[in-house]
């Protein structure tokens, strides 16, 4: 939960997804901005990959995650998604 709180500080104007990678929980996070890309973090908050499709910087790990579920998404976002705050981050 501490990692999610720290990620929320960075991505409060964006989205946080909880995914599985090789049986472990990871988080993929992106800002609410065009061409911003996303970053993948492990449970300790360490960056393990970058997925910037617009600029061609896509690590292999970006295509290895599964079972992703949005746990946070800012209201009035560019993706047209509903706002989500599963863990009541703030």
PDB file of N, CA and C in Angstrom:
ATOM      1  N   UNK A   1       0.820  -1.200   0.000  1.00  0.00           N
ATOM      2  CA  UNK A   1       0.000   0.000   0.000  1.00  0.00           C
ATOM      3  C   UNK A   1       0.866   1.267   0.000  1.00  0.00           C
ATOM      4  N   UNK A   2       2.011   1.196   0.662  1.00  0.00           N
ATOM      5  CA  UNK A   2       2.899   2.370   0.694  1.00  0.00           C
ATOM      6  C   UNK A   2       3.385   2.733  -0.710  1.00  0.00           C
ATOM      7  N   UNK A   3       3.687   1.729  -1.501  1.00  0.00           N
ATOM      8  CA  UNK A   3       4.122   1.997  -2.875  1.00  0.00           C
ATOM      9  C   UNK A   3       3.019   2.691  -3.657  1.00  0.00           C
ATOM     10  N   UNK A   4       1.786   2.222  -3.503  1.00  0.00           N
ATOM     11  CA  UNK A   4       0.663   2.866  -4.197  1.00  0.00           C
ATOM     12  C   UNK A   4       0.498   4.317  -3.771  1.00  0.00           C
ATOM     13  N   UNK A   5       0.676   4.598  -2.499  1.00  0.00           N
ATOM     14  CA  UNK A   5       0.565   5.980  -2.014  1.00  0.00           C
ATOM     15  C   UNK A   5       1.636   6.863  -2.648  1.00  0.00           C
ATOM     16  N   UNK A   6       2.849   6.321  -2.781  1.00  0.00           N
ATOM     17  CA  UNK A   6       3.939   7.081  -3.399  1.00  0.00           C
ATOM     18  C   UNK A   6       3.676   7.288  -4.896  1.00  0.00           C
ATOM     19  N   UNK A   7       3.170   6.265  -5.561  1.00  0.00           N
ATOM     20  CA  UNK A   7       2.857   6.391  -6.984  1.00  0.00           C
ATOM     21  C   UNK A   7       1.732   7.396  -7.199  1.00  0.00           C
ATOM     22  N   UNK A   8       0.771   7.405  -6.293  1.00  0.00           N
ATOM     23  CA  UNK A   8      -0.333   8.369  -6.392  1.00  0.00           C
ATOM     24  C   UNK A   8       0.193   9.811  -6.344  1.00  0.00           C
ATOM     25  N   UNK A   9       1.218  10.059  -5.553  1.00  0.00           N
ATOM     26  CA  UNK A   9       1.794  11.408  -5.470  1.00  0.00           C
ATOM     27  C   UNK A   9       2.298  11.870  -6.836  1.00  0.00           C
ATOM     28  N   UNK A  10       2.801  10.934  -7.626  1.00  0.00           N
ATOM     29  CA  UNK A  10       3.330  11.255  -8.953  1.00  0.00           C
ATOM     30  C   UNK A  10       2.227  11.261 -10.006  1.00  0.00           C
ATOM     31  N   UNK A  11       1.292  10.309  -9.894  1.00  0.00           N
ATOM     32  CA  UNK A  11       0.303  10.085 -10.944  1.00  0.00           C
ATOM     33  C   UNK A  11      -1.120  10.440 -10.525  1.00  0.00           C
ATOM     34  N   UNK A  12      -1.276  11.381  -9.594  1.00  0.00           N
ATOM     35  CA  UNK A  12      -2.625  11.777  -9.182  1.00  0.00           C
ATOM     36  C   UNK A  12      -3.398  12.384 -10.347  1.00  0.00           C
ATOM     37  N   UNK A  13      -2.690  12.920 -11.339  1.00  0.00           N
ATOM     38  CA  UNK A  13      -3.320  13.402 -12.568  1.00  0.00           C
ATOM     39  C   UNK A  13      -3.036  12.385 -13.672  1.00  0.00           C
ATOM     40  N   UNK A  14      -3.488  11.154 -13.445  1.00  0.00           N
ATOM     41  CA  UNK A  14      -3.230  10.098 -14.413  1.00  0.00           C
ATOM     42  C   UNK A  14      -3.957   8.820 -14.062  1.00  0.00           C
ATOM     43  N   UNK A  15      -3.266   7.697 -14.296  1.00  0.00           N
ATOM     44  CA  UNK A  15      -3.871   6.384 -14.128  1.00  0.00           C
ATOM     45  C   UNK A  15      -2.848   5.420 -13.545  1.00  0.00           C
ATOM     46  N   UNK A  16      -3.319   4.521 -12.675  1.00  0.00           N
ATOM     47  CA  UNK A  16      -2.499   3.462 -12.113  1.00  0.00           C
ATOM     48  C   UNK A  16      -3.237   2.141 -12.319  1.00  0.00           C
ATOM     49  N   UNK A  17      -2.558   1.189 -12.972  1.00  0.00           N
ATOM     50  CA  UNK A  17      -3.116  -0.151 -13.160  1.00  0.00           C
ATOM     51  C   UNK A  17      -2.299  -1.145 -12.347  1.00  0.00           C
ATOM     52  N   UNK A  18      -2.984  -2.123 -11.794  1.00  0.00           N
ATOM     53  CA  UNK A  18      -2.345  -3.206 -11.058  1.00  0.00           C
ATOM     54  C   UNK A  18      -2.334  -4.415 -11.988  1.00  0.00           C
ATOM     55  N   UNK A  19      -1.153  -4.980 -12.228  1.00  0.00           N
ATOM     56  CA  UNK A  19      -1.013  -6.074 -13.189  1.00  0.00           C
ATOM     57  C   UNK A  19      -0.219  -7.220 -12.580  1.00  0.00           C
ATOM     58  N   UNK A  20      -0.178  -8.303 -13.314  1.00  0.00           N
ATOM     59  CA  UNK A  20       0.624  -9.458 -12.930  1.00  0.00           C
ATOM     60  C   UNK A  20       1.763  -9.603 -13.932  1.00  0.00           C
ATOM     61  N   UNK A  21       2.952  -9.867 -13.419  1.00  0.00           N
ATOM     62  CA  UNK A  21       4.129 -10.094 -14.258  1.00  0.00           C
ATOM     63  C   UNK A  21       4.898 -11.252 -13.643  1.00  0.00           C
ATOM     64  N   UNK A  22       4.918 -12.372 -14.335  1.00  0.00           N
ATOM     65  CA  UNK A  22       5.591 -13.573 -13.823  1.00  0.00           C
ATOM     66  C   UNK A  22       5.116 -13.928 -12.415  1.00  0.00           C
ATOM     67  N   UNK A  23       3.817 -13.794 -12.174  1.00  0.00           N
ATOM     68  CA  UNK A  23       3.236 -14.164 -10.890  1.00  0.00           C
ATOM     69  C   UNK A  23       3.382 -13.128  -9.793  1.00  0.00           C
ATOM     70  N   UNK A  24       3.974 -11.985 -10.106  1.00  0.00           N
ATOM     71  CA  UNK A  24       4.157 -10.923  -9.115  1.00  0.00           C
ATOM     72  C   UNK A  24       3.331  -9.698  -9.497  1.00  0.00           C
ATOM     73  N   UNK A  25       2.916  -8.953  -8.503  1.00  0.00           N
ATOM     74  CA  UNK A  25       2.149  -7.731  -8.738  1.00  0.00           C
ATOM     75  C   UNK A  25       3.077  -6.597  -9.151  1.00  0.00           C
ATOM     76  N   UNK A  26       2.692  -5.898 -10.204  1.00  0.00           N
ATOM     77  CA  UNK A  26       3.407  -4.699 -10.653  1.00  0.00           C
ATOM     78  C   UNK A  26       2.364  -3.620 -10.927  1.00  0.00           C
ATOM     79  N   UNK A  27       2.829  -2.395 -11.067  1.00  0.00           N
ATOM     80  CA  UNK A  27       1.944  -1.272 -11.356  1.00  0.00           C
ATOM     81  C   UNK A  27       2.415  -0.582 -12.619  1.00  0.00           C
ATOM     82  N   UNK A  28       1.490  -0.305 -13.504  1.00  0.00           N
ATOM     83  CA  UNK A  28       1.809   0.491 -14.686  1.00  0.00           C
ATOM     84  C   UNK A  28       1.086   1.828 -14.537  1.00  0.00           C
ATOM     85  N   UNK A  29       1.832   2.900 -14.697  1.00  0.00           N
ATOM     86  CA  UNK A  29       1.319   4.236 -14.387  1.00  0.00           C
ATOM     87  C   UNK A  29       1.577   5.193 -15.538  1.00  0.00           C
ATOM     88  N   UNK A  30       0.617   6.068 -15.772  1.00  0.00           N
ATOM     89  CA  UNK A  30       0.772   7.073 -16.816  1.00  0.00           C
ATOM     90  C   UNK A  30       0.074   8.360 -16.446  1.00  0.00           C
ATOM     91  N   UNK A  31       0.589   9.449 -16.970  1.00  0.00           N
ATOM     92  CA  UNK A  31      -0.006  10.758 -16.725  1.00  0.00           C
ATOM     93  C   UNK A  31      -1.127  11.030 -17.713  1.00  0.00           C
ATOM     94  N   UNK A  32      -2.033  11.881 -17.325  1.00  0.00           N
ATOM     95  CA  UNK A  32      -3.185  12.282 -18.135  1.00  0.00           C
ATOM     96  C   UNK A  32      -2.727  13.324 -19.159  1.00  0.00           C
ATOM     97  N   UNK A  33      -1.907  12.883 -20.115  1.00  0.00           N
ATOM     98  CA  UNK A  33      -1.351  13.780 -21.133  1.00  0.00           C
ATOM     99  C   UNK A  33      -1.086  12.985 -22.405  1.00  0.00           C
ATOM    100  N   UNK A  34      -1.338  13.601 -23.549  1.00  0.00           N
ATOM    101  CA  UNK A  34      -1.093  12.932 -24.814  1.00  0.00           C
ATOM    102  C   UNK A  34       0.380  12.587 -24.964  1.00  0.00           C
ATOM    103  N   UNK A  35       0.656  11.398 -25.504  1.00  0.00           N
ATOM    104  CA  UNK A  35       2.013  10.915 -25.774  1.00  0.00           C
ATOM    105  C   UNK A  35       2.887  10.817 -24.530  1.00  0.00           C
ATOM    106  N   UNK A  36       2.277  10.696 -23.347  1.00  0.00           N
ATOM    107  CA  UNK A  36       3.062  10.646 -22.113  1.00  0.00           C
ATOM    108  C   UNK A  36       3.680   9.279 -21.862  1.00  0.00           C
ATOM    109  N   UNK A  37       3.138   8.218 -22.447  1.00  0.00           N
ATOM    110  CA  UNK A  37       3.664   6.892 -22.194  1.00  0.00           C
ATOM    111  C   UNK A  37       3.323   6.430 -20.786  1.00  0.00           C
ATOM    112  N   UNK A  38       3.885   5.311 -20.400  1.00  0.00           N
ATOM    113  CA  UNK A  38       3.660   4.800 -19.055  1.00  0.00           C
ATOM    114  C   UNK A  38       4.937   4.170 -18.524  1.00  0.00           C
ATOM    115  N   UNK A  39       4.968   3.977 -17.219  1.00  0.00           N
ATOM    116  CA  UNK A  39       6.119   3.396 -16.543  1.00  0.00           C
ATOM    117  C   UNK A  39       5.631   2.239 -15.695  1.00  0.00           C
ATOM    118  N   UNK A  40       6.427   1.167 -15.652  1.00  0.00           N
ATOM    119  CA  UNK A  40       6.075  -0.006 -14.860  1.00  0.00           C
ATOM    120  C   UNK A  40       6.955  -0.027 -13.612  1.00  0.00           C
ATOM    121  N   UNK A  41       6.300  -0.235 -12.458  1.00  0.00           N
ATOM    122  CA  UNK A  41       6.982  -0.273 -11.170  1.00  0.00           C
ATOM    123  C   UNK A  41       6.743  -1.620 -10.497  1.00  0.00           C
ATOM    124  N   UNK A  42       7.737  -2.095  -9.745  1.00  0.00           N
ATOM    125  CA  UNK A  42       7.534  -3.301  -8.943  1.00  0.00           C
ATOM    126  C   UNK A  42       6.878  -2.924  -7.615  1.00  0.00           C
ATOM    127  N   UNK A  43       6.648  -3.906  -6.754  1.00  0.00           N
ATOM    128  CA  UNK A  43       5.968  -3.650  -5.476  1.00  0.00           C
ATOM    129  C   UNK A  43       6.742  -2.719  -4.553  1.00  0.00           C
ATOM    130  N   UNK A  44       8.053  -2.585  -4.783  1.00  0.00           N
ATOM    131  CA  UNK A  44       8.877  -1.695  -3.956  1.00  0.00           C
ATOM    132  C   UNK A  44       8.978  -0.289  -4.530  1.00  0.00           C
ATOM    133  N   UNK A  45       8.340  -0.057  -5.676  1.00  0.00           N
ATOM    134  CA  UNK A  45       8.378   1.270  -6.287  1.00  0.00           C
ATOM    135  C   UNK A  45       9.552   1.491  -7.206  1.00  0.00           C
ATOM    136  N   UNK A  46      10.267   0.420  -7.545  1.00  0.00           N
ATOM    137  CA  UNK A  46      11.396   0.529  -8.467  1.00  0.00           C
ATOM    138  C   UNK A  46      10.888   0.453  -9.909  1.00  0.00           C
ATOM    139  N   UNK A  47      11.445   1.286 -10.769  1.00  0.00           N
ATOM    140  CA  UNK A  47      11.081   1.252 -12.185  1.00  0.00           C
ATOM    141  C   UNK A  47      11.669   0.001 -12.818  1.00  0.00           C
ATOM    142  N   UNK A  48      10.801  -0.774 -13.488  1.00  0.00           N
ATOM    143  CA  UNK A  48      11.277  -1.982 -14.168  1.00  0.00           C
ATOM    144  C   UNK A  48      11.032  -1.926 -15.679  1.00  0.00           C
ATOM    145  N   UNK A  49      10.384  -0.859 -16.151  1.00  0.00           N
ATOM    146  CA  UNK A  49      10.168  -0.736 -17.585  1.00  0.00           C
ATOM    147  C   UNK A  49       9.499   0.568 -17.966  1.00  0.00           C
ATOM    148  N   UNK A  50       9.724   0.965 -19.206  1.00  0.00           N
ATOM    149  CA  UNK A  50       9.088   2.148 -19.774  1.00  0.00           C
ATOM    150  C   UNK A  50       8.365   1.749 -21.055  1.00  0.00           C
ATOM    151  N   UNK A  51       7.153   2.278 -21.216  1.00  0.00           N
ATOM    152  CA  UNK A  51       6.313   1.942 -22.370  1.00  0.00           C
ATOM    153  C   UNK A  51       5.892   3.231 -23.057  1.00  0.00           C
ATOM    154  N   UNK A  52       6.791   3.806 -23.798  1.00  0.00           N
ATOM    155  CA  UNK A  52       6.518   5.057 -24.499  1.00  0.00           C
ATOM    156  C   UNK A  52       6.370   4.765 -25.987  1.00  0.00           C
ATOM    157  N   UNK A  53       5.184   4.286 -26.344  1.00  0.00           N
ATOM    158  CA  UNK A  53       4.927   3.876 -27.722  1.00  0.00           C
ATOM    159  C   UNK A  53       5.037   5.035 -28.716  1.00  0.00           C
ATOM    160  N   UNK A  54       4.703   6.233 -28.300  1.00  0.00           N
ATOM    161  CA  UNK A  54       4.731   7.380 -29.204  1.00  0.00           C
ATOM    162  C   UNK A  54       6.148   7.719 -29.661  1.00  0.00           C
ATOM    163  N   UNK A  55       7.125   7.491 -28.787  1.00  0.00           N
ATOM    164  CA  UNK A  55       8.505   7.855 -29.100  1.00  0.00           C
ATOM    165  C   UNK A  55       9.396   6.637 -29.337  1.00  0.00           C
ATOM    166  N   UNK A  56       8.808   5.431 -29.297  1.00  0.00           N
ATOM    167  CA  UNK A  56       9.561   4.227 -29.640  1.00  0.00           C
ATOM    168  C   UNK A  56      10.380   3.621 -28.524  1.00  0.00           C
ATOM    169  N   UNK A  57      10.242   4.113 -27.305  1.00  0.00           N
ATOM    170  CA  UNK A  57      10.990   3.583 -26.170  1.00  0.00           C
ATOM    171  C   UNK A  57      10.092   2.583 -25.427  1.00  0.00           C
ATOM    172  N   UNK A  58      10.075   1.332 -25.928  1.00  0.00           N
ATOM    173  CA  UNK A  58       9.186   0.319 -25.366  1.00  0.00           C
ATOM    174  C   UNK A  58      10.018  -0.879 -24.921  1.00  0.00           C
ATOM    175  N   UNK A  59      10.065  -1.097 -23.613  1.00  0.00           N
ATOM    176  CA  UNK A  59      10.792  -2.237 -23.069  1.00  0.00           C
ATOM    177  C   UNK A  59       9.973  -3.511 -23.244  1.00  0.00           C
ATOM    178  N   UNK A  60      10.645  -4.644 -23.327  1.00  0.00           N
ATOM    179  CA  UNK A  60       9.985  -5.935 -23.539  1.00  0.00           C
ATOM    180  C   UNK A  60       8.926  -6.224 -22.484  1.00  0.00           C
ATOM    181  N   UNK A  61       9.179  -5.802 -21.269  1.00  0.00           N
ATOM    182  CA  UNK A  61       8.256  -6.070 -20.163  1.00  0.00           C
ATOM    183  C   UNK A  61       6.866  -5.475 -20.413  1.00  0.00           C
ATOM    184  N   UNK A  62       6.776  -4.472 -21.258  1.00  0.00           N
ATOM    185  CA  UNK A  62       5.497  -3.817 -21.555  1.00  0.00           C
ATOM    186  C   UNK A  62       4.483  -4.783 -22.154  1.00  0.00           C
ATOM    187  N   UNK A  63       4.969  -5.814 -22.825  1.00  0.00           N
ATOM    188  CA  UNK A  63       4.089  -6.781 -23.480  1.00  0.00           C
ATOM    189  C   UNK A  63       3.995  -8.099 -22.714  1.00  0.00           C
ATOM    190  N   UNK A  64       4.530  -8.138 -21.497  1.00  0.00           N
ATOM    191  CA  UNK A  64       4.547  -9.384 -20.729  1.00  0.00           C
ATOM    192  C   UNK A  64       3.592  -9.374 -19.542  1.00  0.00           C
ATOM    193  N   UNK A  65       2.923  -8.268 -19.297  1.00  0.00           N
ATOM    194  CA  UNK A  65       2.009  -8.175 -18.157  1.00  0.00           C
ATOM    195  C   UNK A  65       0.659  -8.777 -18.519  1.00  0.00           C
ATOM    196  N   UNK A  66      -0.062  -9.222 -17.501  1.00  0.00           N
ATOM    197  CA  UNK A  66      -1.396  -9.767 -17.722  1.00  0.00           C
ATOM    198  C   UNK A  66      -2.308  -9.365 -16.564  1.00  0.00           C
ATOM    199  N   UNK A  67      -3.581  -9.623 -16.737  1.00  0.00           N
ATOM    200  CA  UNK A  67      -4.590  -9.393 -15.692  1.00  0.00           C
ATOM    201  C   UNK A  67      -4.551  -7.969 -15.137  1.00  0.00           C
ATOM    202  N   UNK A  68      -4.368  -6.990 -15.991  1.00  0.00           N
ATOM    203  CA  UNK A  68      -4.301  -5.597 -15.537  1.00  0.00           C
ATOM    204  C   UNK A  68      -5.697  -5.063 -15.196  1.00  0.00           C
ATOM    205  N   UNK A  69      -5.774  -4.385 -14.066  1.00  0.00           N
ATOM    206  CA  UNK A  69      -7.013  -3.752 -13.629  1.00  0.00           C
ATOM    207  C   UNK A  69      -6.685  -2.337 -13.153  1.00  0.00           C
ATOM    208  N   UNK A  70      -7.485  -1.388 -13.571  1.00  0.00           N
ATOM    209  CA  UNK A  70      -7.277  -0.003 -13.159  1.00  0.00           C
ATOM    210  C   UNK A  70      -7.674   0.148 -11.695  1.00  0.00           C
ATOM    211  N   UNK A  71      -6.743   0.658 -10.878  1.00  0.00           N
ATOM    212  CA  UNK A  71      -7.033   0.891  -9.465  1.00  0.00           C
ATOM    213  C   UNK A  71      -7.165   2.380  -9.162  1.00  0.00           C
ATOM    214  N   UNK A  72      -6.673   3.220 -10.091  1.00  0.00           N
ATOM    215  CA  UNK A  72      -6.841   4.670  -9.942  1.00  0.00           C
ATOM    216  C   UNK A  72      -6.900   5.291 -11.330  1.00  0.00           C
ATOM    217  N   UNK A  73      -7.851   6.199 -11.526  1.00  0.00           N
ATOM    218  CA  UNK A  73      -7.923   6.978 -12.763  1.00  0.00           C
ATOM    219  C   UNK A  73      -8.554   8.323 -12.431  1.00  0.00           C
ATOM    220  N   UNK A  74      -7.868   9.383 -12.800  1.00  0.00           N
ATOM    221  CA  UNK A  74      -8.334  10.737 -12.519  1.00  0.00           C
ATOM    222  C   UNK A  74      -9.628  11.023 -13.276  1.00  0.00           C
ATOM    223  N   UNK A  75     -10.454  11.847 -12.686  1.00  0.00           N
ATOM    224  CA  UNK A  75     -11.704  12.275 -13.315  1.00  0.00           C
ATOM    225  C   UNK A  75     -11.386  13.165 -14.522  1.00  0.00           C
ATOM    226  N   UNK A  76     -12.270  13.199 -15.501  1.00  0.00           N
ATOM    227  CA  UNK A  76     -12.117  14.044 -16.703  1.00  0.00           C
ATOM    228  C   UNK A  76     -10.771  13.805 -17.387  1.00  0.00           C
ATOM    229  N   UNK A  77     -10.476  12.543 -17.684  1.00  0.00           N
ATOM    230  CA  UNK A  77      -9.191  12.186 -18.283  1.00  0.00           C
ATOM    231  C   UNK A  77      -9.267  12.137 -19.808  1.00  0.00           C
ATOM    232  N   UNK A  78      -8.115  12.112 -20.449  1.00  0.00           N
ATOM    233  CA  UNK A  78      -8.036  12.119 -21.909  1.00  0.00           C
ATOM    234  C   UNK A  78      -8.466  10.798 -22.532  1.00  0.00           C
ATOM    235  N   UNK A  79      -8.536   9.733 -21.740  1.00  0.00           N
ATOM    236  CA  UNK A  79      -8.888   8.416 -22.252  1.00  0.00           C
ATOM    237  C   UNK A  79     -10.404   8.199 -22.300  1.00  0.00           C
ATOM    238  N   UNK A  80     -11.160   9.102 -21.687  1.00  0.00           N
ATOM    239  CA  UNK A  80     -12.604   8.952 -21.650  1.00  0.00           C
ATOM    240  C   UNK A  80     -13.074   7.872 -20.694  1.00  0.00           C
ATOM    241  N   UNK A  81     -12.224   7.509 -19.748  1.00  0.00           N
ATOM    242  CA  UNK A  81     -12.557   6.469 -18.766  1.00  0.00           C
ATOM    243  C   UNK A  81     -13.256   7.074 -17.560  1.00  0.00           C
ATOM    244  N   UNK A  82     -13.992   6.248 -16.869  1.00  0.00           N
ATOM    245  CA  UNK A  82     -14.609   6.668 -15.609  1.00  0.00           C
ATOM    246  C   UNK A  82     -13.524   6.831 -14.553  1.00  0.00           C
ATOM    247  N   UNK A  83     -13.746   7.738 -13.611  1.00  0.00           N
ATOM    248  CA  UNK A  83     -12.776   7.884 -12.522  1.00  0.00           C
ATOM    249  C   UNK A  83     -12.863   6.655 -11.615  1.00  0.00           C
ATOM    250  N   UNK A  84     -11.704   6.253 -11.084  1.00  0.00           N
ATOM    251  CA  UNK A  84     -11.589   5.079 -10.223  1.00  0.00           C
ATOM    252  C   UNK A  84     -10.650   5.434  -9.080  1.00  0.00           C
ATOM    253  N   UNK A  85     -10.953   4.941  -7.893  1.00  0.00           N
ATOM    254  CA  UNK A  85     -10.048   5.098  -6.760  1.00  0.00           C
ATOM    255  C   UNK A  85     -10.280   3.926  -5.811  1.00  0.00           C
ATOM    256  N   UNK A  86      -9.941   2.714  -6.301  1.00  0.00           N
ATOM    257  CA  UNK A  86     -10.220   1.458  -5.611  1.00  0.00           C
ATOM    258  C   UNK A  86      -9.681   1.434  -4.181  1.00  0.00           C
ATOM    259  N   UNK A  87      -8.481   1.950  -3.966  1.00  0.00           N
ATOM    260  CA  UNK A  87      -7.844   1.892  -2.647  1.00  0.00           C
ATOM    261  C   UNK A  87      -7.951   3.205  -1.871  1.00  0.00           C
ATOM    262  N   UNK A  88      -8.804   4.109  -2.331  1.00  0.00           N
ATOM    263  CA  UNK A  88      -9.020   5.411  -1.660  1.00  0.00           C
ATOM    264  C   UNK A  88      -7.708   6.144  -1.436  1.00  0.00           C
ATOM    265  N   UNK A  89      -6.921   6.245  -2.487  1.00  0.00           N
ATOM    266  CA  UNK A  89      -5.630   6.931  -2.437  1.00  0.00           C
ATOM    267  C   UNK A  89      -5.835   8.430  -2.309  1.00  0.00           C
ATOM    268  N   UNK A  90      -4.999   9.057  -1.537  1.00  0.00           N
ATOM    269  CA  UNK A  90      -5.037  10.508  -1.385  1.00  0.00           C
ATOM    270  C   UNK A  90      -3.904  10.976  -0.548  1.00  0.00           C
TER     271      UNK A  90
END
